[in-house]
Amino acid sequence: MGWKVDVPHSNVEFTARHMMITKVRGSFRDFDGDVTIDENDFTASTLEGTVQVASIDTGNEDRDAHLRSADFFDVDTYPTMRFVATNIMREDEDEYEVEGELTIKDVTQAVRWEVEALGHRTDPYGNEKWGFSAETKIDRRDFGLTWNVPLDGGGVLVGNTIEIELSVQFQKVNESEAAA
């Protein structure tokens, strides 16, 4: 059965170290995804998602503009990030590992997510929903995000390890939406 990301009830967030002493958090506001959920066996499900990189929001417009620039994401050339799951493995009752390919800029790398199935409900309007959370860490340099500034006394301005957290609610797509 087809499902879409319920964007108003979902988040795509990340954390990066700044000057090696602080964690800066941010999010992407424009994203979507499609899933085929096999409710009897999640490992037989499919998943892909896309993020519009220009929607980055760290709470600081100057920093966001720099992140959109050619120093980092180069959103004029590479407007999207994309993830496609290639393997879903059950670890425990509600815990899964999802392997897949993450593309940032023109670089695709294998990424492994720790995923928790949070539950299935029908909302007050009759819409079926599934909730999941997911976490991973990537080295931004693996995706060509190499800009940095060395600091006096050692270290760099921007940490290389990026923590990514998703809280995603999927809504079942009814037949009329699927045909549109």
N, C-alpha and C. Protein backbone atom coordinates (compact mmCIF):
# COMPACT_ATOMS: atom_id res chain seq x y z
N MET A 1 0.85 -1.18 0.00
CA MET A 1 0.00 0.00 0.00
C MET A 1 0.89 1.23 0.00
N GLY A 2 0.53 2.24 -0.78
CA GLY A 2 1.32 3.45 -0.90
C GLY A 2 1.10 4.43 0.25
N TRP A 3 2.17 5.07 0.67
CA TRP A 3 2.14 6.04 1.75
C TRP A 3 3.01 7.23 1.34
N LYS A 4 2.66 8.43 1.83
CA LYS A 4 3.43 9.65 1.59
C LYS A 4 3.79 10.26 2.94
N VAL A 5 4.87 11.02 2.95
CA VAL A 5 5.25 11.74 4.16
C VAL A 5 4.19 12.79 4.47
N ASP A 6 3.73 12.81 5.70
CA ASP A 6 2.82 13.84 6.20
C ASP A 6 3.72 14.96 6.74
N VAL A 7 4.10 15.87 5.85
CA VAL A 7 5.13 16.87 6.15
C VAL A 7 4.83 17.72 7.38
N PRO A 8 3.60 18.21 7.58
CA PRO A 8 3.38 19.04 8.77
C PRO A 8 3.60 18.30 10.10
N HIS A 9 3.64 16.97 10.05
CA HIS A 9 3.84 16.19 11.26
C HIS A 9 5.15 15.42 11.23
N SER A 10 6.13 15.93 10.47
CA SER A 10 7.41 15.26 10.30
C SER A 10 8.55 16.28 10.39
N ASN A 11 9.76 15.79 10.69
CA ASN A 11 10.93 16.64 10.80
C ASN A 11 12.15 15.97 10.19
N VAL A 12 12.99 16.76 9.53
CA VAL A 12 14.30 16.33 9.05
C VAL A 12 15.29 17.29 9.70
N GLU A 13 16.06 16.79 10.67
CA GLU A 13 16.94 17.65 11.46
C GLU A 13 18.37 17.13 11.45
N PHE A 14 19.32 18.03 11.73
CA PHE A 14 20.72 17.64 11.78
C PHE A 14 21.44 18.44 12.85
N THR A 15 22.59 17.93 13.24
CA THR A 15 23.45 18.59 14.23
C THR A 15 24.88 18.54 13.73
N ALA A 16 25.59 19.66 13.85
CA ALA A 16 27.00 19.73 13.50
C ALA A 16 27.74 20.48 14.60
N ARG A 17 28.99 20.11 14.80
CA ARG A 17 29.82 20.81 15.79
C ARG A 17 30.30 22.13 15.20
N HIS A 18 30.34 23.18 16.02
CA HIS A 18 30.85 24.49 15.62
C HIS A 18 32.01 24.84 16.53
N MET A 19 33.15 25.12 15.96
CA MET A 19 34.38 25.47 16.69
C MET A 19 34.79 24.38 17.68
N MET A 20 34.27 23.19 17.48
CA MET A 20 34.60 22.03 18.30
C MET A 20 34.06 22.12 19.73
N ILE A 21 33.27 23.16 20.03
CA ILE A 21 32.79 23.35 21.40
C ILE A 21 31.27 23.43 21.52
N THR A 22 30.57 23.57 20.40
CA THR A 22 29.12 23.76 20.43
C THR A 22 28.48 22.89 19.36
N LYS A 23 27.27 22.47 19.60
CA LYS A 23 26.50 21.77 18.58
C LYS A 23 25.46 22.73 18.02
N VAL A 24 25.49 22.92 16.71
CA VAL A 24 24.50 23.75 16.02
C VAL A 24 23.49 22.82 15.40
N ARG A 25 22.22 23.12 15.62
CA ARG A 25 21.15 22.30 15.09
C ARG A 25 20.46 23.02 13.94
N GLY A 26 19.95 22.25 13.03
CA GLY A 26 19.23 22.81 11.91
C GLY A 26 18.24 21.81 11.37
N SER A 27 17.48 22.25 10.39
CA SER A 27 16.49 21.37 9.78
C SER A 27 16.30 21.75 8.33
N PHE A 28 15.62 20.88 7.62
CA PHE A 28 15.17 21.17 6.26
C PHE A 28 13.65 21.22 6.33
N ARG A 29 13.07 22.25 5.75
CA ARG A 29 11.63 22.49 5.84
C ARG A 29 10.84 21.91 4.68
N ASP A 30 11.51 21.62 3.55
CA ASP A 30 10.82 21.14 2.36
C ASP A 30 11.37 19.77 1.98
N PHE A 31 10.55 18.75 2.17
CA PHE A 31 10.96 17.37 1.90
C PHE A 31 9.73 16.55 1.59
N ASP A 32 9.95 15.40 0.99
CA ASP A 32 8.84 14.46 0.76
C ASP A 32 9.42 13.05 0.67
N GLY A 33 8.54 12.11 0.62
CA GLY A 33 8.97 10.72 0.53
C GLY A 33 7.81 9.81 0.20
N ASP A 34 8.15 8.70 -0.38
CA ASP A 34 7.18 7.67 -0.73
C ASP A 34 7.61 6.35 -0.13
N VAL A 35 6.64 5.62 0.40
CA VAL A 35 6.91 4.35 1.03
C VAL A 35 5.85 3.36 0.60
N THR A 36 6.27 2.15 0.39
CA THR A 36 5.34 1.04 0.30
C THR A 36 5.56 0.22 1.56
N ILE A 37 4.58 0.19 2.43
CA ILE A 37 4.72 -0.49 3.72
C ILE A 37 4.06 -1.86 3.64
N ASP A 38 4.85 -2.88 3.92
CA ASP A 38 4.32 -4.22 4.07
C ASP A 38 4.10 -4.40 5.57
N GLU A 39 2.84 -4.27 6.00
CA GLU A 39 2.54 -4.28 7.43
C GLU A 39 2.81 -5.63 8.09
N ASN A 40 2.87 -6.70 7.31
CA ASN A 40 3.17 -8.02 7.85
C ASN A 40 4.67 -8.26 7.96
N ASP A 41 5.45 -7.53 7.17
CA ASP A 41 6.90 -7.70 7.17
C ASP A 41 7.55 -6.41 6.70
N PHE A 42 7.90 -5.53 7.64
CA PHE A 42 8.50 -4.24 7.28
C PHE A 42 9.74 -4.41 6.40
N THR A 43 10.45 -5.53 6.55
CA THR A 43 11.68 -5.71 5.78
C THR A 43 11.40 -5.83 4.28
N ALA A 44 10.14 -6.05 3.91
CA ALA A 44 9.76 -6.13 2.49
C ALA A 44 9.24 -4.78 1.98
N SER A 45 9.32 -3.74 2.79
CA SER A 45 8.84 -2.41 2.40
C SER A 45 9.86 -1.70 1.51
N THR A 46 9.44 -0.63 0.86
CA THR A 46 10.34 0.21 0.06
C THR A 46 10.25 1.64 0.58
N LEU A 47 11.30 2.40 0.37
CA LEU A 47 11.36 3.76 0.89
C LEU A 47 12.28 4.61 0.04
N GLU A 48 11.82 5.82 -0.28
CA GLU A 48 12.70 6.83 -0.86
C GLU A 48 12.23 8.20 -0.42
N GLY A 49 13.19 9.10 -0.26
CA GLY A 49 12.86 10.45 0.19
C GLY A 49 13.75 11.48 -0.48
N THR A 50 13.22 12.69 -0.59
CA THR A 50 13.94 13.80 -1.21
C THR A 50 13.83 15.04 -0.34
N VAL A 51 14.92 15.76 -0.22
CA VAL A 51 14.97 17.01 0.53
C VAL A 51 15.35 18.14 -0.43
N GLN A 52 14.62 19.24 -0.37
CA GLN A 52 14.99 20.45 -1.11
C GLN A 52 16.02 21.19 -0.25
N VAL A 53 17.26 21.18 -0.68
CA VAL A 53 18.36 21.68 0.15
C VAL A 53 18.22 23.17 0.46
N ALA A 54 17.65 23.94 -0.44
CA ALA A 54 17.50 25.38 -0.20
C ALA A 54 16.61 25.67 1.00
N SER A 55 15.87 24.67 1.48
CA SER A 55 14.98 24.87 2.63
C SER A 55 15.72 24.75 3.97
N ILE A 56 17.04 24.70 3.94
CA ILE A 56 17.83 24.58 5.17
C ILE A 56 17.52 25.75 6.11
N ASP A 57 17.43 25.45 7.40
CA ASP A 57 17.11 26.46 8.40
C ASP A 57 17.87 26.14 9.68
N THR A 58 18.87 26.96 9.99
CA THR A 58 19.62 26.80 11.24
C THR A 58 19.31 27.91 12.23
N GLY A 59 18.34 28.75 11.88
CA GLY A 59 18.00 29.85 12.76
C GLY A 59 18.88 31.07 12.57
N ASN A 60 19.76 31.05 11.56
CA ASN A 60 20.64 32.17 11.28
C ASN A 60 20.72 32.33 9.76
N GLU A 61 20.11 33.39 9.23
CA GLU A 61 20.02 33.56 7.77
C GLU A 61 21.38 33.66 7.11
N ASP A 62 22.36 34.34 7.74
CA ASP A 62 23.70 34.43 7.15
C ASP A 62 24.34 33.04 7.03
N ARG A 63 24.23 32.23 8.08
CA ARG A 63 24.77 30.87 8.04
C ARG A 63 24.03 30.04 7.00
N ASP A 64 22.70 30.17 6.95
CA ASP A 64 21.92 29.41 5.97
C ASP A 64 22.33 29.78 4.54
N ALA A 65 22.55 31.06 4.28
CA ALA A 65 22.99 31.50 2.95
C ALA A 65 24.36 30.89 2.61
N HIS A 66 25.25 30.84 3.60
CA HIS A 66 26.56 30.23 3.37
C HIS A 66 26.42 28.74 3.08
N LEU A 67 25.55 28.07 3.82
CA LEU A 67 25.34 26.64 3.59
C LEU A 67 24.73 26.37 2.21
N ARG A 68 23.93 27.28 1.69
CA ARG A 68 23.35 27.13 0.35
C ARG A 68 24.37 27.40 -0.76
N SER A 69 25.46 28.09 -0.43
CA SER A 69 26.44 28.53 -1.42
C SER A 69 27.30 27.37 -1.94
N ALA A 70 28.15 27.68 -2.91
CA ALA A 70 29.05 26.68 -3.49
C ALA A 70 30.07 26.16 -2.46
N ASP A 71 30.30 26.89 -1.36
CA ASP A 71 31.20 26.39 -0.31
C ASP A 71 30.67 25.10 0.31
N PHE A 72 29.34 24.95 0.34
CA PHE A 72 28.74 23.77 0.95
C PHE A 72 27.84 23.04 -0.05
N PHE A 73 26.54 23.26 0.00
CA PHE A 73 25.59 22.47 -0.78
C PHE A 73 25.46 22.88 -2.24
N ASP A 74 25.82 24.10 -2.59
CA ASP A 74 25.71 24.58 -3.97
C ASP A 74 24.31 24.29 -4.53
N VAL A 75 23.30 24.86 -3.88
CA VAL A 75 21.90 24.53 -4.21
C VAL A 75 21.50 24.94 -5.62
N ASP A 76 22.20 25.88 -6.23
CA ASP A 76 21.87 26.24 -7.61
C ASP A 76 22.19 25.09 -8.56
N THR A 77 23.23 24.34 -8.26
CA THR A 77 23.63 23.20 -9.09
C THR A 77 23.01 21.89 -8.61
N TYR A 78 22.90 21.73 -7.30
CA TYR A 78 22.41 20.48 -6.69
C TYR A 78 21.26 20.79 -5.74
N PRO A 79 20.06 20.99 -6.25
CA PRO A 79 18.95 21.47 -5.41
C PRO A 79 18.37 20.42 -4.46
N THR A 80 18.66 19.14 -4.67
CA THR A 80 18.04 18.11 -3.82
C THR A 80 19.07 17.16 -3.24
N MET A 81 18.68 16.57 -2.10
CA MET A 81 19.34 15.39 -1.54
C MET A 81 18.34 14.26 -1.69
N ARG A 82 18.84 13.05 -1.85
CA ARG A 82 17.92 11.93 -2.05
C ARG A 82 18.42 10.70 -1.31
N PHE A 83 17.49 9.96 -0.72
CA PHE A 83 17.81 8.69 -0.08
C PHE A 83 16.89 7.62 -0.65
N VAL A 84 17.48 6.46 -0.98
CA VAL A 84 16.72 5.30 -1.45
C VAL A 84 17.17 4.11 -0.62
N ALA A 85 16.22 3.47 0.06
CA ALA A 85 16.54 2.29 0.86
C ALA A 85 16.85 1.11 -0.06
N THR A 86 17.88 0.35 0.31
CA THR A 86 18.24 -0.85 -0.45
C THR A 86 18.06 -2.12 0.37
N ASN A 87 17.99 -1.99 1.70
CA ASN A 87 17.87 -3.18 2.55
C ASN A 87 17.29 -2.76 3.90
N ILE A 88 16.25 -3.44 4.34
CA ILE A 88 15.64 -3.19 5.64
C ILE A 88 15.76 -4.46 6.46
N MET A 89 16.37 -4.34 7.64
CA MET A 89 16.61 -5.50 8.50
C MET A 89 15.97 -5.28 9.86
N ARG A 90 15.26 -6.27 10.34
CA ARG A 90 14.65 -6.18 11.67
C ARG A 90 15.70 -6.52 12.72
N GLU A 91 15.80 -5.65 13.73
CA GLU A 91 16.74 -5.85 14.82
C GLU A 91 16.04 -6.31 16.09
N ASP A 92 14.83 -5.83 16.32
CA ASP A 92 14.05 -6.15 17.51
C ASP A 92 12.59 -5.92 17.13
N GLU A 93 11.68 -6.02 18.08
CA GLU A 93 10.25 -5.92 17.78
C GLU A 93 9.90 -4.68 16.97
N ASP A 94 10.36 -3.51 17.39
CA ASP A 94 10.04 -2.26 16.70
C ASP A 94 11.28 -1.53 16.19
N GLU A 95 12.42 -2.22 16.16
CA GLU A 95 13.67 -1.59 15.75
C GLU A 95 14.22 -2.25 14.49
N TYR A 96 14.69 -1.37 13.59
CA TYR A 96 15.18 -1.82 12.29
C TYR A 96 16.46 -1.09 11.95
N GLU A 97 17.23 -1.68 11.06
CA GLU A 97 18.33 -1.00 10.41
C GLU A 97 17.95 -0.90 8.95
N VAL A 98 18.10 0.31 8.42
CA VAL A 98 17.78 0.53 7.02
C VAL A 98 19.04 0.99 6.33
N GLU A 99 19.48 0.21 5.35
CA GLU A 99 20.63 0.58 4.54
C GLU A 99 20.11 1.19 3.24
N GLY A 100 20.88 2.12 2.72
CA GLY A 100 20.47 2.70 1.46
C GLY A 100 21.53 3.64 0.92
N GLU A 101 21.15 4.31 -0.15
CA GLU A 101 22.06 5.22 -0.83
C GLU A 101 21.59 6.66 -0.62
N LEU A 102 22.47 7.46 -0.05
CA LEU A 102 22.22 8.87 0.16
C LEU A 102 23.03 9.65 -0.86
N THR A 103 22.34 10.53 -1.59
CA THR A 103 23.02 11.39 -2.57
C THR A 103 22.94 12.84 -2.11
N ILE A 104 24.10 13.43 -1.94
CA ILE A 104 24.24 14.85 -1.63
C ILE A 104 25.18 15.42 -2.67
N LYS A 105 24.77 16.53 -3.28
CA LYS A 105 25.49 17.08 -4.41
C LYS A 105 25.53 15.99 -5.48
N ASP A 106 26.67 15.66 -6.00
CA ASP A 106 26.72 14.62 -7.03
C ASP A 106 27.36 13.34 -6.50
N VAL A 107 27.36 13.16 -5.19
CA VAL A 107 28.02 12.03 -4.56
C VAL A 107 26.98 11.13 -3.88
N THR A 108 27.06 9.84 -4.18
CA THR A 108 26.17 8.86 -3.55
C THR A 108 27.02 7.93 -2.69
N GLN A 109 26.59 7.77 -1.43
CA GLN A 109 27.29 6.91 -0.48
C GLN A 109 26.29 6.02 0.24
N ALA A 110 26.76 4.86 0.67
CA ALA A 110 25.94 3.96 1.48
C ALA A 110 25.80 4.56 2.88
N VAL A 111 24.58 4.51 3.42
CA VAL A 111 24.29 5.02 4.75
C VAL A 111 23.41 3.99 5.46
N ARG A 112 23.63 3.84 6.76
CA ARG A 112 22.82 2.93 7.57
C ARG A 112 22.11 3.73 8.65
N TRP A 113 20.80 3.58 8.72
CA TRP A 113 19.95 4.28 9.69
C TRP A 113 19.49 3.30 10.77
N GLU A 114 19.43 3.78 12.00
CA GLU A 114 18.76 3.07 13.09
C GLU A 114 17.33 3.60 13.10
N VAL A 115 16.35 2.72 12.93
CA VAL A 115 14.96 3.12 12.78
C VAL A 115 14.10 2.47 13.85
N GLU A 116 13.18 3.25 14.40
CA GLU A 116 12.20 2.72 15.34
C GLU A 116 10.81 2.95 14.78
N ALA A 117 10.02 1.88 14.70
CA ALA A 117 8.61 2.00 14.32
C ALA A 117 7.86 2.45 15.56
N LEU A 118 7.23 3.62 15.49
CA LEU A 118 6.58 4.21 16.66
C LEU A 118 5.09 3.87 16.77
N GLY A 119 4.51 3.33 15.70
CA GLY A 119 3.13 2.91 15.81
C GLY A 119 2.28 3.28 14.61
N HIS A 120 1.08 2.74 14.65
CA HIS A 120 0.09 2.90 13.58
C HIS A 120 -1.21 3.36 14.21
N ARG A 121 -1.80 4.41 13.64
CA ARG A 121 -3.06 4.94 14.17
C ARG A 121 -3.90 5.48 13.02
N THR A 122 -5.17 5.66 13.32
CA THR A 122 -6.08 6.38 12.43
C THR A 122 -6.40 7.69 13.11
N ASP A 123 -6.21 8.81 12.37
CA ASP A 123 -6.45 10.12 12.97
C ASP A 123 -7.96 10.40 13.04
N PRO A 124 -8.37 11.50 13.69
CA PRO A 124 -9.80 11.80 13.85
C PRO A 124 -10.54 12.00 12.53
N TYR A 125 -9.80 12.14 11.41
CA TYR A 125 -10.44 12.37 10.12
C TYR A 125 -10.48 11.11 9.27
N GLY A 126 -10.06 9.97 9.87
CA GLY A 126 -10.10 8.70 9.17
C GLY A 126 -8.86 8.38 8.35
N ASN A 127 -7.79 9.18 8.49
CA ASN A 127 -6.55 8.93 7.74
C ASN A 127 -5.66 7.97 8.51
N GLU A 128 -5.18 6.94 7.83
CA GLU A 128 -4.26 5.99 8.46
C GLU A 128 -2.85 6.58 8.47
N LYS A 129 -2.16 6.44 9.60
CA LYS A 129 -0.82 6.99 9.78
C LYS A 129 0.12 5.95 10.37
N TRP A 130 1.38 6.01 9.98
CA TRP A 130 2.46 5.26 10.60
C TRP A 130 3.50 6.27 11.04
N GLY A 131 4.12 6.06 12.19
CA GLY A 131 5.17 6.94 12.67
C GLY A 131 6.48 6.19 12.84
N PHE A 132 7.58 6.84 12.45
CA PHE A 132 8.91 6.26 12.55
C PHE A 132 9.89 7.34 12.98
N SER A 133 10.93 6.95 13.70
CA SER A 133 12.06 7.83 13.95
C SER A 133 13.30 7.13 13.40
N ALA A 134 14.28 7.93 12.99
CA ALA A 134 15.50 7.35 12.41
C ALA A 134 16.69 8.25 12.74
N GLU A 135 17.85 7.64 12.90
CA GLU A 135 19.08 8.37 13.19
C GLU A 135 20.23 7.78 12.41
N THR A 136 21.14 8.64 11.99
CA THR A 136 22.38 8.20 11.38
C THR A 136 23.43 9.28 11.58
N LYS A 137 24.67 8.93 11.31
CA LYS A 137 25.78 9.88 11.30
C LYS A 137 26.51 9.71 9.98
N ILE A 138 26.90 10.85 9.40
CA ILE A 138 27.69 10.81 8.19
C ILE A 138 28.91 11.70 8.37
N ASP A 139 29.93 11.46 7.57
CA ASP A 139 31.07 12.36 7.48
C ASP A 139 30.81 13.24 6.26
N ARG A 140 30.60 14.51 6.48
CA ARG A 140 30.22 15.41 5.39
C ARG A 140 31.25 15.43 4.27
N ARG A 141 32.51 15.18 4.58
CA ARG A 141 33.56 15.18 3.57
C ARG A 141 33.34 14.08 2.53
N ASP A 142 32.69 12.99 2.95
CA ASP A 142 32.40 11.89 2.01
C ASP A 142 31.46 12.33 0.89
N PHE A 143 30.76 13.44 1.09
CA PHE A 143 29.80 13.95 0.11
C PHE A 143 30.29 15.24 -0.56
N GLY A 144 31.58 15.52 -0.44
CA GLY A 144 32.15 16.70 -1.08
C GLY A 144 31.89 18.00 -0.33
N LEU A 145 31.45 17.91 0.92
CA LEU A 145 31.21 19.10 1.76
C LEU A 145 32.47 19.32 2.60
N THR A 146 33.48 19.91 1.98
CA THR A 146 34.81 19.96 2.60
C THR A 146 35.23 21.33 3.11
N TRP A 147 34.45 22.38 2.85
CA TRP A 147 34.85 23.72 3.28
C TRP A 147 35.07 23.73 4.78
N ASN A 148 36.14 24.41 5.21
CA ASN A 148 36.41 24.55 6.64
C ASN A 148 37.44 25.64 6.86
N VAL A 149 37.62 26.01 8.12
CA VAL A 149 38.61 27.00 8.52
C VAL A 149 39.33 26.44 9.74
N PRO A 150 40.67 26.34 9.69
CA PRO A 150 41.40 25.89 10.89
C PRO A 150 41.34 26.96 11.97
N LEU A 151 41.30 26.51 13.22
CA LEU A 151 41.24 27.43 14.36
C LEU A 151 42.61 27.55 15.02
N ASP A 152 42.88 28.73 15.54
CA ASP A 152 44.10 28.91 16.34
C ASP A 152 44.04 27.94 17.51
N GLY A 153 45.12 27.26 17.76
CA GLY A 153 45.15 26.32 18.87
C GLY A 153 44.64 24.94 18.50
N GLY A 154 44.30 24.72 17.24
CA GLY A 154 43.85 23.40 16.79
C GLY A 154 42.37 23.32 16.57
N GLY A 155 41.99 22.33 15.82
CA GLY A 155 40.59 22.13 15.51
C GLY A 155 40.16 22.93 14.28
N VAL A 156 38.89 22.81 13.96
CA VAL A 156 38.33 23.47 12.79
C VAL A 156 37.01 24.13 13.15
N LEU A 157 36.56 25.02 12.28
CA LEU A 157 35.32 25.75 12.52
C LEU A 157 34.10 24.84 12.48
N VAL A 158 34.04 23.93 11.49
CA VAL A 158 32.88 23.06 11.31
C VAL A 158 33.30 21.60 11.48
N GLY A 159 32.63 20.90 12.38
CA GLY A 159 32.93 19.49 12.58
C GLY A 159 32.57 18.67 11.34
N ASN A 160 33.23 17.53 11.18
CA ASN A 160 33.00 16.70 10.01
C ASN A 160 31.86 15.70 10.19
N THR A 161 31.59 15.32 11.41
CA THR A 161 30.51 14.37 11.66
C THR A 161 29.19 15.11 11.78
N ILE A 162 28.22 14.70 10.97
CA ILE A 162 26.89 15.29 10.98
C ILE A 162 25.91 14.23 11.48
N GLU A 163 25.18 14.56 12.53
CA GLU A 163 24.14 13.67 13.05
C GLU A 163 22.82 14.06 12.39
N ILE A 164 22.12 13.08 11.84
CA ILE A 164 20.84 13.34 11.18
C ILE A 164 19.76 12.59 11.93
N GLU A 165 18.67 13.27 12.23
CA GLU A 165 17.53 12.67 12.92
C GLU A 165 16.25 12.95 12.14
N LEU A 166 15.46 11.93 11.98
CA LEU A 166 14.17 12.05 11.31
C LEU A 166 13.07 11.64 12.27
N SER A 167 11.99 12.35 12.23
CA SER A 167 10.76 11.95 12.89
C SER A 167 9.70 12.09 11.80
N VAL A 168 9.23 10.95 11.32
CA VAL A 168 8.41 10.97 10.11
C VAL A 168 7.09 10.26 10.35
N GLN A 169 6.04 10.93 9.91
CA GLN A 169 4.71 10.34 9.93
C GLN A 169 4.31 10.13 8.46
N PHE A 170 3.91 8.91 8.15
CA PHE A 170 3.44 8.60 6.80
C PHE A 170 1.93 8.48 6.82
N GLN A 171 1.29 8.95 5.76
CA GLN A 171 -0.15 8.85 5.61
C GLN A 171 -0.47 8.00 4.40
N LYS A 172 -1.41 7.07 4.58
CA LYS A 172 -1.81 6.21 3.49
C LYS A 172 -2.40 7.05 2.36
N VAL A 173 -1.99 6.74 1.14
CA VAL A 173 -2.48 7.43 -0.04
C VAL A 173 -3.71 6.67 -0.52
N ASN A 174 -4.85 7.39 -0.61
CA ASN A 174 -6.06 6.71 -1.09
C ASN A 174 -6.02 6.61 -2.62
N GLU A 175 -6.88 5.81 -3.16
CA GLU A 175 -6.87 5.52 -4.60
C GLU A 175 -7.00 6.78 -5.46
N SER A 176 -7.84 7.74 -5.07
CA SER A 176 -8.02 8.95 -5.88
C SER A 176 -6.77 9.81 -5.88
N GLU A 177 -6.03 9.87 -4.72
CA GLU A 177 -4.78 10.62 -4.67
C GLU A 177 -3.71 9.94 -5.51
N ALA A 178 -3.68 8.61 -5.48
CA ALA A 178 -2.67 7.87 -6.23
C ALA A 178 -2.86 8.05 -7.72
N ALA A 179 -4.10 8.19 -8.19
CA ALA A 179 -4.38 8.33 -9.62
C ALA A 179 -4.12 9.75 -10.11
N ALA A 180 -4.11 10.74 -9.21
CA ALA A 180 -3.94 12.15 -9.60
C ALA A 180 -2.53 12.47 -10.03
